[in-house]
Every structure is written in structure tokens, then in C-alpha cells.
Amino acid sequence: MGQADGRDEEQPVHRVRVAPFRLCRWQVTNAHFAAFRKFSFTCPTLPVTSVNWFDAVEYCAWLAGEWNMPVRLPTEAEWEFAARGGLEQKRFPWGDEPPQERPSYAARWRNGPEPVGTSPPNGYGLFDMCENVHEWCSDWFDAGYYGISPEENPAGPETGTRRASRGGAWRHHIKIARCAARSSIPPEFRYADYGFRIAVGL
């Protein structure tokens, strides 16, 4: 995890092990979320946005009951492992080439997110990792956590004031984030570039 020449909160680079888990190939869409909580939307395949951390956790709990499976948000460690798609210490899910060199990059995300699955998947078959909308993680956020992170299944600090999130978003100047990039906001906040995807423990 982390990046040696990244931001302070991405250091030190350290190796962790995560237990087997599944991560949804797509960000949760408007159609998915509307099955849990009715709301108005225009495009069913756009990622659901303006959901706070509590909304995402409640959706996971509801879906866990529907599927009879332990549905939850991923940890930061799980998310970064998945985002890398098997490419160790590469900047992006596809390698080290800058986002601006991706096909049609300049024409994308003009006014909002795009339908999920628009970009090619990474090496693990996961779509939109590091792009489209920020994704909530289960962890509390601590900028210094990497200095004390356990090697086995790190789940973040026990308390905090901000929840971790990962990935880039359509509102940013550079719209695709590095795999190691960390972000956070208070869990009660709802932003138009925040969504999530679900994980299932095995």
C-alpha cells in the first residue's frame, strides 16, 4: 500500500495481507439504490451520488438481508488491492501512463459522472476503479495510520471524525486518481461526486 513519492498520508509504503473478499465490478447505480430507497433519477446506470457514509452502510445492511450474505463497504486496504488489479506499485489500474493519455479522456465527465462500466476493466475485471465518483470505505481516516497499520487485514483506526474514501471523481481537474491516493470527509456529508461499491467477505 502507498506510494513512495506520493502525499504524506500515503507513506510509508508497506505490505499488508487481506483475507479473501469479493468486490462488486461496478459502483452502486441509481437503479440499485432505488430498490432500497425510492428517489427520482434520470439514468438508472449512473452511479448513485449524494449519499453519505451512513446511507451507504444502511444500503449494505439491507442488501445483506436480501442476499443473506455479509455485504459491507470495503476497507481502504481491500479497495487499494482491488484497484491495482494485480499490478504491484503501479500508479493507476492500467499502469503508469498518465490519465490524460486514456482514450477520449478530454471529452469525458463534462457535466457529471458517466454510466458505470464506461471504461475498460482493470486486471481483476473491476470497472471505474479510481474514476467517475469517489467511493466510501469502511475505515475511519487517519493521515498517519500507515505508520502503525497492522500487517494483517488493516481496518483503520477505531475512532475518528472523517471516513476514508478512495478513487477519483468527475469534478476534479485530474479526473482519475492514483491507486494509492487517499481522501476523506465527515461521514454525514453528501456530495455530488461521492458514491460507493459493495464488498462481501468470504
Protein backbone atom coordinates (compact mmCIF):
# COMPACT_ATOMS: atom_id res chain seq x y z
CA MET A 1 0.00 0.00 0.00
CA GLY A 2 1.03 3.58 -0.52
CA GLN A 3 3.33 5.41 -2.88
CA ALA A 4 6.88 6.46 -2.06
CA ASP A 5 6.66 9.76 -3.94
CA GLY A 6 3.02 10.38 -3.05
CA ARG A 7 1.44 12.57 -0.41
CA ASP A 8 2.46 12.30 3.24
CA GLU A 9 -0.62 10.24 4.16
CA GLU A 10 0.36 7.64 1.52
CA GLN A 11 3.63 6.85 3.29
CA PRO A 12 5.40 4.74 4.26
CA VAL A 13 4.86 2.20 1.51
CA HIS A 14 4.09 -1.04 3.33
CA ARG A 15 2.94 -4.55 2.56
CA VAL A 16 -0.31 -5.88 4.01
CA ARG A 17 -2.33 -9.05 3.63
CA VAL A 18 -6.09 -9.06 3.24
CA ALA A 19 -8.37 -12.05 3.70
CA PRO A 20 -10.27 -13.24 0.60
CA PHE A 21 -13.18 -11.00 -0.33
CA ARG A 22 -15.38 -10.07 -3.25
CA LEU A 23 -15.82 -6.56 -4.62
CA CYS A 24 -18.64 -5.54 -6.94
CA ARG A 25 -17.49 -4.96 -10.50
CA TRP A 26 -19.45 -1.69 -10.66
CA GLN A 27 -20.20 1.27 -8.46
CA VAL A 28 -23.70 1.09 -6.98
CA THR A 29 -26.08 2.63 -9.51
CA ASN A 30 -29.22 4.73 -9.21
CA ALA A 31 -31.30 1.66 -10.09
CA HIS A 32 -29.58 -0.46 -7.43
CA PHE A 33 -30.06 2.15 -4.72
CA ALA A 34 -33.67 2.89 -5.69
CA ALA A 35 -34.58 -0.70 -4.87
CA PHE A 36 -33.61 0.15 -1.30
CA ARG A 37 -34.71 3.79 -1.06
CA LYS A 38 -37.04 5.40 -3.58
CA PHE A 39 -35.85 8.65 -5.17
CA SER A 40 -36.07 10.42 -8.51
CA PHE A 41 -33.34 9.94 -11.08
CA THR A 42 -32.89 10.27 -14.83
CA CYS A 43 -30.44 7.50 -15.76
CA PRO A 44 -30.58 4.11 -13.99
CA THR A 45 -26.98 3.18 -14.88
CA LEU A 46 -25.33 6.29 -13.44
CA PRO A 47 -23.60 5.74 -10.10
CA VAL A 48 -25.73 6.84 -7.18
CA THR A 49 -24.32 10.05 -5.69
CA SER A 50 -25.02 12.44 -2.83
CA VAL A 51 -25.15 9.52 -0.43
CA ASN A 52 -23.36 9.91 2.87
CA TRP A 53 -21.44 7.17 4.66
CA PHE A 54 -24.45 6.22 6.77
CA ASP A 55 -26.62 5.85 3.64
CA ALA A 56 -24.04 3.51 2.14
CA VAL A 57 -23.80 1.43 5.32
CA GLU A 58 -27.60 1.19 5.55
CA TYR A 59 -27.78 0.02 1.94
CA CYS A 60 -25.17 -2.66 2.65
CA ALA A 61 -27.15 -3.85 5.69
CA TRP A 62 -30.36 -4.00 3.64
CA LEU A 63 -28.67 -5.90 0.81
CA ALA A 64 -27.06 -8.28 3.28
CA GLY A 65 -30.56 -9.25 4.38
CA GLU A 66 -31.81 -9.56 0.81
CA TRP A 67 -28.91 -11.76 -0.28
CA ASN A 68 -28.22 -13.49 3.03
CA MET A 69 -24.56 -12.53 2.60
CA PRO A 70 -22.19 -10.31 4.65
CA VAL A 71 -22.42 -7.24 2.40
CA ARG A 72 -20.40 -4.22 3.59
CA LEU A 73 -18.18 -1.39 2.46
CA PRO A 74 -14.59 -2.33 1.58
CA THR A 75 -11.68 -1.32 3.77
CA GLU A 76 -9.05 1.01 2.35
CA ALA A 77 -6.65 -1.94 2.10
CA GLU A 78 -9.16 -4.05 0.19
CA TRP A 79 -10.00 -1.16 -2.11
CA GLU A 80 -6.37 -0.41 -2.96
CA PHE A 81 -5.61 -4.10 -3.51
CA ALA A 82 -8.58 -4.33 -5.88
CA ALA A 83 -7.81 -1.05 -7.68
CA ARG A 84 -4.30 -2.19 -8.57
CA GLY A 85 -5.70 -5.18 -10.44
CA GLY A 86 -2.59 -7.25 -9.81
CA LEU A 87 -0.10 -4.57 -10.90
CA GLU A 88 2.13 -4.01 -7.88
CA GLN A 89 3.21 -0.41 -7.20
CA LYS A 90 1.86 0.98 -10.46
CA ARG A 91 0.30 4.42 -10.24
CA PHE A 92 -3.00 3.59 -11.93
CA PRO A 93 -5.12 0.48 -12.52
CA TRP A 94 -3.67 0.14 -16.03
CA GLY A 95 -0.02 1.01 -15.25
CA ASP A 96 1.99 4.23 -15.06
CA GLU A 97 0.76 6.07 -18.17
CA PRO A 98 -0.92 9.38 -17.19
CA PRO A 99 -4.72 9.64 -17.26
CA GLN A 100 -4.62 12.28 -19.99
CA GLU A 101 -3.41 9.58 -22.39
CA ARG A 102 -6.51 7.43 -21.85
CA PRO A 103 -8.89 7.16 -24.85
CA SER A 104 -11.29 10.13 -25.11
CA TYR A 105 -10.15 11.47 -21.73
CA ALA A 106 -10.54 15.13 -22.74
CA ALA A 107 -14.15 14.59 -23.82
CA ARG A 108 -15.33 12.71 -20.75
CA TRP A 109 -17.02 13.81 -17.50
CA ARG A 110 -18.01 17.24 -18.77
CA ASN A 111 -21.08 17.74 -16.57
CA GLY A 112 -21.21 14.79 -14.20
CA PRO A 113 -20.44 11.11 -13.79
CA GLU A 114 -20.88 8.62 -16.62
CA PRO A 115 -22.79 5.33 -16.63
CA VAL A 116 -20.86 2.62 -14.81
CA GLY A 117 -18.65 0.35 -16.89
CA THR A 118 -17.79 3.02 -19.47
CA SER A 119 -14.04 2.46 -19.20
CA PRO A 120 -12.28 -0.89 -19.75
CA PRO A 121 -11.96 -3.03 -16.59
CA ASN A 122 -8.70 -3.49 -14.72
CA GLY A 123 -6.82 -6.77 -14.35
CA TYR A 124 -9.36 -8.09 -11.85
CA GLY A 125 -12.34 -7.27 -14.07
CA LEU A 126 -13.38 -4.24 -11.98
CA PHE A 127 -14.78 -1.15 -13.71
CA ASP A 128 -14.26 2.52 -12.87
CA MET A 129 -11.69 1.96 -10.14
CA CYS A 130 -10.06 5.36 -9.45
CA GLU A 131 -12.58 7.30 -11.56
CA ASN A 132 -16.17 8.52 -12.03
CA VAL A 133 -17.08 9.11 -8.35
CA HIS A 134 -15.31 8.89 -5.01
CA GLU A 135 -16.11 5.67 -3.16
CA TRP A 136 -16.75 5.42 0.58
CA CYS A 137 -14.66 2.93 2.54
CA SER A 138 -15.49 1.45 5.93
CA ASP A 139 -12.45 2.90 7.74
CA TRP A 140 -12.12 5.96 9.90
CA PHE A 141 -9.44 8.15 8.35
CA ASP A 142 -6.09 8.96 9.96
CA ALA A 143 -3.35 10.61 7.89
CA GLY A 144 -0.69 8.87 10.00
CA TYR A 145 -2.27 5.43 10.01
CA TYR A 146 0.26 3.84 7.66
CA GLY A 147 2.95 4.27 10.28
CA ILE A 148 1.09 1.99 12.71
CA SER A 149 -1.03 -0.12 10.36
CA PRO A 150 -1.13 -3.85 11.17
CA GLU A 151 0.12 -6.21 8.50
CA GLU A 152 -2.98 -8.42 8.59
CA ASN A 153 -6.34 -7.05 7.43
CA PRO A 154 -5.89 -3.39 8.43
CA ALA A 155 -9.28 -1.83 9.08
CA GLY A 156 -8.31 1.71 10.02
CA PRO A 157 -8.29 3.41 13.42
CA GLU A 158 -11.01 2.65 15.95
CA THR A 159 -12.30 6.22 16.10
CA GLY A 160 -12.15 9.43 14.12
CA THR A 161 -14.08 12.36 12.69
CA ARG A 162 -13.75 11.62 8.97
CA ARG A 163 -14.38 8.45 6.96
CA ALA A 164 -11.96 7.28 4.30
CA SER A 165 -12.80 7.34 0.62
CA ARG A 166 -10.92 6.28 -2.47
CA GLY A 167 -10.85 6.92 -6.19
CA GLY A 168 -11.11 9.96 -8.41
CA ALA A 169 -14.22 11.88 -9.41
CA TRP A 170 -15.68 13.80 -12.29
CA ARG A 171 -15.48 17.20 -10.51
CA HIS A 172 -11.67 17.19 -10.21
CA HIS A 173 -9.23 18.82 -12.60
CA ILE A 174 -7.46 15.45 -12.97
CA LYS A 175 -10.42 13.09 -13.07
CA ILE A 176 -8.66 9.76 -12.47
CA ALA A 177 -6.86 9.25 -9.16
CA ARG A 178 -3.77 7.19 -8.42
CA CYS A 179 -4.36 3.81 -6.79
CA ALA A 180 -2.60 4.98 -3.62
CA ALA A 181 -4.42 8.32 -3.32
CA ARG A 182 -6.41 8.69 -0.09
CA SER A 183 -9.23 11.09 0.69
CA SER A 184 -11.79 11.62 3.45
CA ILE A 185 -14.77 13.70 4.53
CA PRO A 186 -17.08 13.67 7.57
CA PRO A 187 -19.46 10.70 7.31
CA GLU A 188 -22.60 12.85 7.39
CA PHE A 189 -21.62 14.86 4.28
CA ARG A 190 -23.36 14.26 0.94
CA TYR A 191 -21.57 15.37 -2.23
CA ALA A 192 -22.49 15.08 -5.90
CA ASP A 193 -19.23 13.26 -6.63
CA TYR A 194 -19.47 10.68 -3.81
CA GLY A 195 -20.81 7.15 -4.27
CA PHE A 196 -19.72 3.65 -3.27
CA ARG A 197 -19.39 0.00 -4.23
CA ILE A 198 -20.05 -3.05 -2.11
CA ALA A 199 -17.80 -5.78 -0.77
CA VAL A 200 -18.56 -9.23 0.60
CA GLY A 201 -16.33 -11.14 2.98
CA LEU A 202 -15.73 -14.83 2.26
